[in-house]
Amino acid sequence: MPGYGPGMMENMGGFDPSSLMSAPQLRQDATMNQANMVSSPYFEANEKAAEKTNPMNAASQEPGKSFLMKYIGK
């Protein structure tokens, strides 16, 4: 191929990645903002669901955990 050699960027199919990291903080802020916008409608529902979490669920797993620790020799 003419113009293609060692050190040349391979054909990216029309995608130019050169500016991807030009402003990483800006990109990170935009990503966080997008995550918040997607999650915000569910915030109240998640809070209500968390109130119903049974703290005994973790405790109920304890017998299995001790068996596993004995089984693997710890």
PDB file of N, CA and C in Angstrom:
ATOM      1  N   MET A   1       0.849  -1.189   0.000  1.00  0.00           N
ATOM      2  CA  MET A   1       0.000   0.000   0.000  1.00  0.00           C
ATOM      3  C   MET A   1       0.884   1.238   0.000  1.00  0.00           C
ATOM      4  N   PRO A   2       0.592   2.157  -0.856  1.00  0.00           N
ATOM      5  CA  PRO A   2       1.391   3.380  -0.849  1.00  0.00           C
ATOM      6  C   PRO A   2       1.118   4.188   0.414  1.00  0.00           C
ATOM      7  N   GLY A   3       2.165   4.736   0.998  1.00  0.00           N
ATOM      8  CA  GLY A   3       2.010   5.567   2.192  1.00  0.00           C
ATOM      9  C   GLY A   3       1.859   4.775   3.476  1.00  0.00           C
ATOM     10  N   TYR A   4       1.987   3.470   3.402  1.00  0.00           N
ATOM     11  CA  TYR A   4       1.843   2.651   4.605  1.00  0.00           C
ATOM     12  C   TYR A   4       3.174   1.980   4.893  1.00  0.00           C
ATOM     13  N   GLY A   5       3.649   2.129   6.104  1.00  0.00           N
ATOM     14  CA  GLY A   5       4.923   1.525   6.446  1.00  0.00           C
ATOM     15  C   GLY A   5       5.070   1.428   7.943  1.00  0.00           C
ATOM     16  N   PRO A   6       6.231   1.020   8.418  1.00  0.00           N
ATOM     17  CA  PRO A   6       6.439   0.913   9.864  1.00  0.00           C
ATOM     18  C   PRO A   6       6.204   2.261  10.550  1.00  0.00           C
ATOM     19  N   GLY A   7       5.477   2.216  11.651  1.00  0.00           N
ATOM     20  CA  GLY A   7       5.215   3.443  12.401  1.00  0.00           C
ATOM     21  C   GLY A   7       3.971   4.183  11.947  1.00  0.00           C
ATOM     22  N   MET A   8       3.422   3.803  10.818  1.00  0.00           N
ATOM     23  CA  MET A   8       2.197   4.451  10.336  1.00  0.00           C
ATOM     24  C   MET A   8       1.016   3.805  11.064  1.00  0.00           C
ATOM     25  N   MET A   9      -0.023   4.590  11.310  1.00  0.00           N
ATOM     26  CA  MET A   9      -1.200   4.044  11.985  1.00  0.00           C
ATOM     27  C   MET A   9      -1.964   3.156  11.011  1.00  0.00           C
ATOM     28  N   GLU A  10      -2.443   2.019  11.521  1.00  0.00           N
ATOM     29  CA  GLU A  10      -3.199   1.131  10.649  1.00  0.00           C
ATOM     30  C   GLU A  10      -4.546   1.749  10.311  1.00  0.00           C
ATOM     31  N   ASN A  11      -5.187   1.244   9.301  1.00  0.00           N
ATOM     32  CA  ASN A  11      -6.481   1.758   8.873  1.00  0.00           C
ATOM     33  C   ASN A  11      -7.507   1.510   9.979  1.00  0.00           C
ATOM     34  N   MET A  12      -8.085   2.569  10.526  1.00  0.00           N
ATOM     35  CA  MET A  12      -9.039   2.452  11.623  1.00  0.00           C
ATOM     36  C   MET A  12     -10.479   2.484  11.123  1.00  0.00           C
ATOM     37  N   GLY A  13     -10.677   2.332   9.835  1.00  0.00           N
ATOM     38  CA  GLY A  13     -12.027   2.272   9.298  1.00  0.00           C
ATOM     39  C   GLY A  13     -12.784   3.577   9.434  1.00  0.00           C
ATOM     40  N   GLY A  14     -12.103   4.702   9.287  1.00  0.00           N
ATOM     41  CA  GLY A  14     -12.778   5.989   9.362  1.00  0.00           C
ATOM     42  C   GLY A  14     -12.843   6.563  10.765  1.00  0.00           C
ATOM     43  N   PHE A  15     -12.366   5.819  11.768  1.00  0.00           N
ATOM     44  CA  PHE A  15     -12.383   6.304  13.149  1.00  0.00           C
ATOM     45  C   PHE A  15     -11.039   6.937  13.476  1.00  0.00           C
ATOM     46  N   ASP A  16     -11.055   8.164  13.944  1.00  0.00           N
ATOM     47  CA  ASP A  16      -9.810   8.863  14.272  1.00  0.00           C
ATOM     48  C   ASP A  16      -9.635   8.907  15.790  1.00  0.00           C
ATOM     49  N   PRO A  17      -8.767   8.047  16.346  1.00  0.00           N
ATOM     50  CA  PRO A  17      -8.604   7.982  17.798  1.00  0.00           C
ATOM     51  C   PRO A  17      -7.660   9.043  18.357  1.00  0.00           C
ATOM     52  N   SER A  18      -7.143   9.923  17.526  1.00  0.00           N
ATOM     53  CA  SER A  18      -6.093  10.843  17.969  1.00  0.00           C
ATOM     54  C   SER A  18      -6.540  11.782  19.079  1.00  0.00           C
ATOM     55  N   SER A  19      -7.823  12.125  19.169  1.00  0.00           N
ATOM     56  CA  SER A  19      -8.266  13.080  20.184  1.00  0.00           C
ATOM     57  C   SER A  19      -8.885  12.409  21.407  1.00  0.00           C
ATOM     58  N   LEU A  20      -8.818  11.085  21.494  1.00  0.00           N
ATOM     59  CA  LEU A  20      -9.485  10.392  22.592  1.00  0.00           C
ATOM     60  C   LEU A  20      -8.989  10.835  23.964  1.00  0.00           C
ATOM     61  N   MET A  21      -7.686  11.012  24.106  1.00  0.00           N
ATOM     62  CA  MET A  21      -7.155  11.369  25.416  1.00  0.00           C
ATOM     63  C   MET A  21      -6.736  12.828  25.498  1.00  0.00           C
ATOM     64  N   SER A  22      -7.264  13.654  24.616  1.00  0.00           N
ATOM     65  CA  SER A  22      -6.868  15.058  24.637  1.00  0.00           C
ATOM     66  C   SER A  22      -7.356  15.765  25.905  1.00  0.00           C
ATOM     67  N   ALA A  23      -8.496  15.350  26.447  1.00  0.00           N
ATOM     68  CA  ALA A  23      -9.008  15.951  27.682  1.00  0.00           C
ATOM     69  C   ALA A  23      -9.623  14.848  28.538  1.00  0.00           C
ATOM     70  N   PRO A  24      -8.792  14.005  29.170  1.00  0.00           N
ATOM     71  CA  PRO A  24      -9.335  12.857  29.904  1.00  0.00           C
ATOM     72  C   PRO A  24     -10.255  13.250  31.053  1.00  0.00           C
ATOM     73  N   GLN A  25      -9.980  14.371  31.731  1.00  0.00           N
ATOM     74  CA  GLN A  25     -10.841  14.761  32.848  1.00  0.00           C
ATOM     75  C   GLN A  25     -12.228  15.139  32.335  1.00  0.00           C
ATOM     76  N   LEU A  26     -12.260  15.833  31.223  1.00  0.00           N
ATOM     77  CA  LEU A  26     -13.539  16.208  30.633  1.00  0.00           C
ATOM     78  C   LEU A  26     -14.324  14.946  30.275  1.00  0.00           C
ATOM     79  N   ARG A  27     -13.626  13.972  29.699  1.00  0.00           N
ATOM     80  CA  ARG A  27     -14.279  12.722  29.306  1.00  0.00           C
ATOM     81  C   ARG A  27     -14.790  11.976  30.540  1.00  0.00           C
ATOM     82  N   GLN A  28     -14.000  11.974  31.605  1.00  0.00           N
ATOM     83  CA  GLN A  28     -14.413  11.288  32.834  1.00  0.00           C
ATOM     84  C   GLN A  28     -15.631  11.978  33.435  1.00  0.00           C
ATOM     85  N   ASP A  29     -15.635  13.309  33.446  1.00  0.00           N
ATOM     86  CA  ASP A  29     -16.784  14.044  33.971  1.00  0.00           C
ATOM     87  C   ASP A  29     -18.034  13.733  33.165  1.00  0.00           C
ATOM     88  N   ALA A  30     -17.907  13.683  31.848  1.00  0.00           N
ATOM     89  CA  ALA A  30     -19.049  13.394  30.991  1.00  0.00           C
ATOM     90  C   ALA A  30     -19.572  11.990  31.253  1.00  0.00           C
ATOM     91  N   THR A  31     -18.659  11.052  31.477  1.00  0.00           N
ATOM     92  CA  THR A  31     -19.063   9.671  31.746  1.00  0.00           C
ATOM     93  C   THR A  31     -19.821   9.587  33.064  1.00  0.00           C
ATOM     94  N   MET A  32     -19.312  10.261  34.097  1.00  0.00           N
ATOM     95  CA  MET A  32     -19.987  10.252  35.392  1.00  0.00           C
ATOM     96  C   MET A  32     -21.348  10.924  35.290  1.00  0.00           C
ATOM     97  N   ASN A  33     -21.414  12.016  34.555  1.00  0.00           N
ATOM     98  CA  ASN A  33     -22.674  12.719  34.396  1.00  0.00           C
ATOM     99  C   ASN A  33     -23.689  11.816  33.701  1.00  0.00           C
ATOM    100  N   GLN A  34     -23.236  11.095  32.692  1.00  0.00           N
ATOM    101  CA  GLN A  34     -24.136  10.200  31.977  1.00  0.00           C
ATOM    102  C   GLN A  34     -24.633   9.089  32.912  1.00  0.00           C
ATOM    103  N   ALA A  35     -23.735   8.545  33.727  1.00  0.00           N
ATOM    104  CA  ALA A  35     -24.136   7.499  34.671  1.00  0.00           C
ATOM    105  C   ALA A  35     -25.172   8.029  35.656  1.00  0.00           C
ATOM    106  N   ASN A  36     -24.969   9.235  36.149  1.00  0.00           N
ATOM    107  CA  ASN A  36     -25.926   9.831  37.081  1.00  0.00           C
ATOM    108  C   ASN A  36     -27.273  10.081  36.416  1.00  0.00           C
ATOM    109  N   MET A  37     -27.259  10.541  35.171  1.00  0.00           N
ATOM    110  CA  MET A  37     -28.512  10.806  34.471  1.00  0.00           C
ATOM    111  C   MET A  37     -29.297   9.512  34.244  1.00  0.00           C
ATOM    112  N   VAL A  38     -28.599   8.426  33.950  1.00  0.00           N
ATOM    113  CA  VAL A  38     -29.264   7.151  33.716  1.00  0.00           C
ATOM    114  C   VAL A  38     -29.826   6.597  35.027  1.00  0.00           C
ATOM    115  N   SER A  39     -29.086   6.764  36.123  1.00  0.00           N
ATOM    116  CA  SER A  39     -29.464   6.170  37.402  1.00  0.00           C
ATOM    117  C   SER A  39     -30.463   6.999  38.197  1.00  0.00           C
ATOM    118  N   SER A  40     -30.498   8.295  37.981  1.00  0.00           N
ATOM    119  CA  SER A  40     -31.309   9.167  38.834  1.00  0.00           C
ATOM    120  C   SER A  40     -32.794   8.800  38.894  1.00  0.00           C
ATOM    121  N   PRO A  41     -33.431   8.347  37.813  1.00  0.00           N
ATOM    122  CA  PRO A  41     -34.850   7.995  37.947  1.00  0.00           C
ATOM    123  C   PRO A  41     -35.091   6.835  38.910  1.00  0.00           C
ATOM    124  N   TYR A  42     -34.060   6.028  39.167  1.00  0.00           N
ATOM    125  CA  TYR A  42     -34.212   4.847  40.012  1.00  0.00           C
ATOM    126  C   TYR A  42     -33.709   5.072  41.434  1.00  0.00           C
ATOM    127  N   PHE A  43     -33.259   6.285  41.739  1.00  0.00           N
ATOM    128  CA  PHE A  43     -32.660   6.560  43.040  1.00  0.00           C
ATOM    129  C   PHE A  43     -33.620   6.243  44.184  1.00  0.00           C
ATOM    130  N   GLU A  44     -34.851   6.749  44.094  1.00  0.00           N
ATOM    131  CA  GLU A  44     -35.825   6.533  45.171  1.00  0.00           C
ATOM    132  C   GLU A  44     -36.168   5.048  45.305  1.00  0.00           C
ATOM    133  N   ALA A  45     -36.356   4.381  44.189  1.00  0.00           N
ATOM    134  CA  ALA A  45     -36.680   2.950  44.237  1.00  0.00           C
ATOM    135  C   ALA A  45     -35.543   2.157  44.871  1.00  0.00           C
ATOM    136  N   ASN A  46     -34.291   2.518  44.544  1.00  0.00           N
ATOM    137  CA  ASN A  46     -33.147   1.819  45.135  1.00  0.00           C
ATOM    138  C   ASN A  46     -33.054   2.058  46.625  1.00  0.00           C
ATOM    139  N   GLU A  47     -33.385   3.271  47.063  1.00  0.00           N
ATOM    140  CA  GLU A  47     -33.376   3.554  48.507  1.00  0.00           C
ATOM    141  C   GLU A  47     -34.418   2.704  49.220  1.00  0.00           C
ATOM    142  N   LYS A  48     -35.618   2.620  48.644  1.00  0.00           N
ATOM    143  CA  LYS A  48     -36.679   1.819  49.260  1.00  0.00           C
ATOM    144  C   LYS A  48     -36.300   0.345  49.291  1.00  0.00           C
ATOM    145  N   ALA A  49     -35.684  -0.138  48.228  1.00  0.00           N
ATOM    146  CA  ALA A  49     -35.266  -1.538  48.186  1.00  0.00           C
ATOM    147  C   ALA A  49     -34.200  -1.814  49.243  1.00  0.00           C
ATOM    148  N   ALA A  50     -33.290  -0.861  49.444  1.00  0.00           N
ATOM    149  CA  ALA A  50     -32.223  -1.038  50.427  1.00  0.00           C
ATOM    150  C   ALA A  50     -32.789  -1.124  51.838  1.00  0.00           C
ATOM    151  N   GLU A  51     -33.901  -0.440  52.098  1.00  0.00           N
ATOM    152  CA  GLU A  51     -34.525  -0.509  53.426  1.00  0.00           C
ATOM    153  C   GLU A  51     -35.024  -1.918  53.724  1.00  0.00           C
ATOM    154  N   LYS A  52     -35.348  -2.676  52.680  1.00  0.00           N
ATOM    155  CA  LYS A  52     -35.899  -4.019  52.862  1.00  0.00           C
ATOM    156  C   LYS A  52     -34.817  -5.091  52.894  1.00  0.00           C
ATOM    157  N   THR A  53     -33.550  -4.686  52.766  1.00  0.00           N
ATOM    158  CA  THR A  53     -32.471  -5.658  52.784  1.00  0.00           C
ATOM    159  C   THR A  53     -32.375  -6.292  54.160  1.00  0.00           C
ATOM    160  N   ASN A  54     -32.331  -7.590  54.184  1.00  0.00           N
ATOM    161  CA  ASN A  54     -32.282  -8.326  55.445  1.00  0.00           C
ATOM    162  C   ASN A  54     -30.828  -8.530  55.860  1.00  0.00           C
ATOM    163  N   PRO A  55     -30.408  -7.928  56.978  1.00  0.00           N
ATOM    164  CA  PRO A  55     -29.014  -8.084  57.406  1.00  0.00           C
ATOM    165  C   PRO A  55     -28.670  -9.529  57.768  1.00  0.00           C
ATOM    166  N   MET A  56     -29.682 -10.364  57.983  1.00  0.00           N
ATOM    167  CA  MET A  56     -29.413 -11.754  58.315  1.00  0.00           C
ATOM    168  C   MET A  56     -29.008 -12.572  57.096  1.00  0.00           C
ATOM    169  N   ASN A  57     -29.213 -12.028  55.903  1.00  0.00           N
ATOM    170  CA  ASN A  57     -28.825 -12.775  54.705  1.00  0.00           C
ATOM    171  C   ASN A  57     -27.340 -13.106  54.724  1.00  0.00           C
ATOM    172  N   ALA A  58     -26.517 -12.136  55.071  1.00  0.00           N
ATOM    173  CA  ALA A  58     -25.074 -12.375  55.114  1.00  0.00           C
ATOM    174  C   ALA A  58     -24.737 -13.389  56.207  1.00  0.00           C
ATOM    175  N   ALA A  59     -25.409 -13.271  57.368  1.00  0.00           N
ATOM    176  CA  ALA A  59     -25.145 -14.193  58.470  1.00  0.00           C
ATOM    177  C   ALA A  59     -25.539 -15.613  58.095  1.00  0.00           C
ATOM    178  N   SER A  60     -26.585 -15.752  57.274  1.00  0.00           N
ATOM    179  CA  SER A  60     -27.040 -17.096  56.915  1.00  0.00           C
ATOM    180  C   SER A  60     -26.042 -17.826  56.030  1.00  0.00           C
ATOM    181  N   GLN A  61     -25.117 -17.084  55.436  1.00  0.00           N
ATOM    182  CA  GLN A  61     -24.107 -17.710  54.595  1.00  0.00           C
ATOM    183  C   GLN A  61     -22.921 -18.221  55.414  1.00  0.00           C
ATOM    184  N   GLU A  62     -22.851 -17.858  56.672  1.00  0.00           N
ATOM    185  CA  GLU A  62     -21.703 -18.172  57.510  1.00  0.00           C
ATOM    186  C   GLU A  62     -21.398 -19.672  57.617  1.00  0.00           C
ATOM    187  N   PRO A  63     -22.397 -20.549  57.830  1.00  0.00           N
ATOM    188  CA  PRO A  63     -22.055 -21.980  57.931  1.00  0.00           C
ATOM    189  C   PRO A  63     -21.336 -22.481  56.682  1.00  0.00           C
ATOM    190  N   GLY A  64     -21.764 -22.064  55.534  1.00  0.00           N
ATOM    191  CA  GLY A  64     -21.113 -22.470  54.300  1.00  0.00           C
ATOM    192  C   GLY A  64     -19.699 -21.938  54.209  1.00  0.00           C
ATOM    193  N   LYS A  65     -19.505 -20.724  54.712  1.00  0.00           N
ATOM    194  CA  LYS A  65     -18.173 -20.115  54.661  1.00  0.00           C
ATOM    195  C   LYS A  65     -17.198 -20.892  55.550  1.00  0.00           C
ATOM    196  N   SER A  66     -17.621 -21.246  56.756  1.00  0.00           N
ATOM    197  CA  SER A  66     -16.715 -21.979  57.637  1.00  0.00           C
ATOM    198  C   SER A  66     -16.396 -23.369  57.066  1.00  0.00           C
ATOM    199  N   PHE A  67     -17.413 -24.011  56.440  1.00  0.00           N
ATOM    200  CA  PHE A  67     -17.173 -25.302  55.798  1.00  0.00           C
ATOM    201  C   PHE A  67     -16.150 -25.139  54.687  1.00  0.00           C
ATOM    202  N   LEU A  68     -16.303 -24.087  53.884  1.00  0.00           N
ATOM    203  CA  LEU A  68     -15.381 -23.844  52.779  1.00  0.00           C
ATOM    204  C   LEU A  68     -13.967 -23.613  53.291  1.00  0.00           C
ATOM    205  N   MET A  69     -13.823 -22.845  54.363  1.00  0.00           N
ATOM    206  CA  MET A  69     -12.489 -22.568  54.915  1.00  0.00           C
ATOM    207  C   MET A  69     -11.836 -23.858  55.402  1.00  0.00           C
ATOM    208  N   LYS A  70     -12.615 -24.746  56.033  1.00  0.00           N
ATOM    209  CA  LYS A  70     -12.062 -26.034  56.466  1.00  0.00           C
ATOM    210  C   LYS A  70     -11.678 -26.881  55.252  1.00  0.00           C
ATOM    211  N   TYR A  71     -12.517 -26.841  54.240  1.00  0.00           N
ATOM    212  CA  TYR A  71     -12.298 -27.650  53.035  1.00  0.00           C
ATOM    213  C   TYR A  71     -11.012 -27.242  52.321  1.00  0.00           C
ATOM    214  N   ILE A  72     -10.760 -25.928  52.245  1.00  0.00           N
ATOM    215  CA  ILE A  72      -9.553 -25.483  51.546  1.00  0.00           C
ATOM    216  C   ILE A  72      -8.342 -25.369  52.479  1.00  0.00           C
ATOM    217  N   GLY A  73      -8.564 -25.704  53.764  1.00  0.00           N
ATOM    218  CA  GLY A  73      -7.459 -25.791  54.705  1.00  0.00           C
ATOM    219  C   GLY A  73      -7.008 -24.477  55.309  1.00  0.00           C
ATOM    220  N   LYS A  74      -7.910 -23.549  55.471  1.00  0.00           N
ATOM    221  CA  LYS A  74      -7.547 -22.279  56.123  1.00  0.00           C
ATOM    222  C   LYS A  74      -8.191 -22.160  57.479  1.00  0.00           C
TER     223      LYS A  74
END
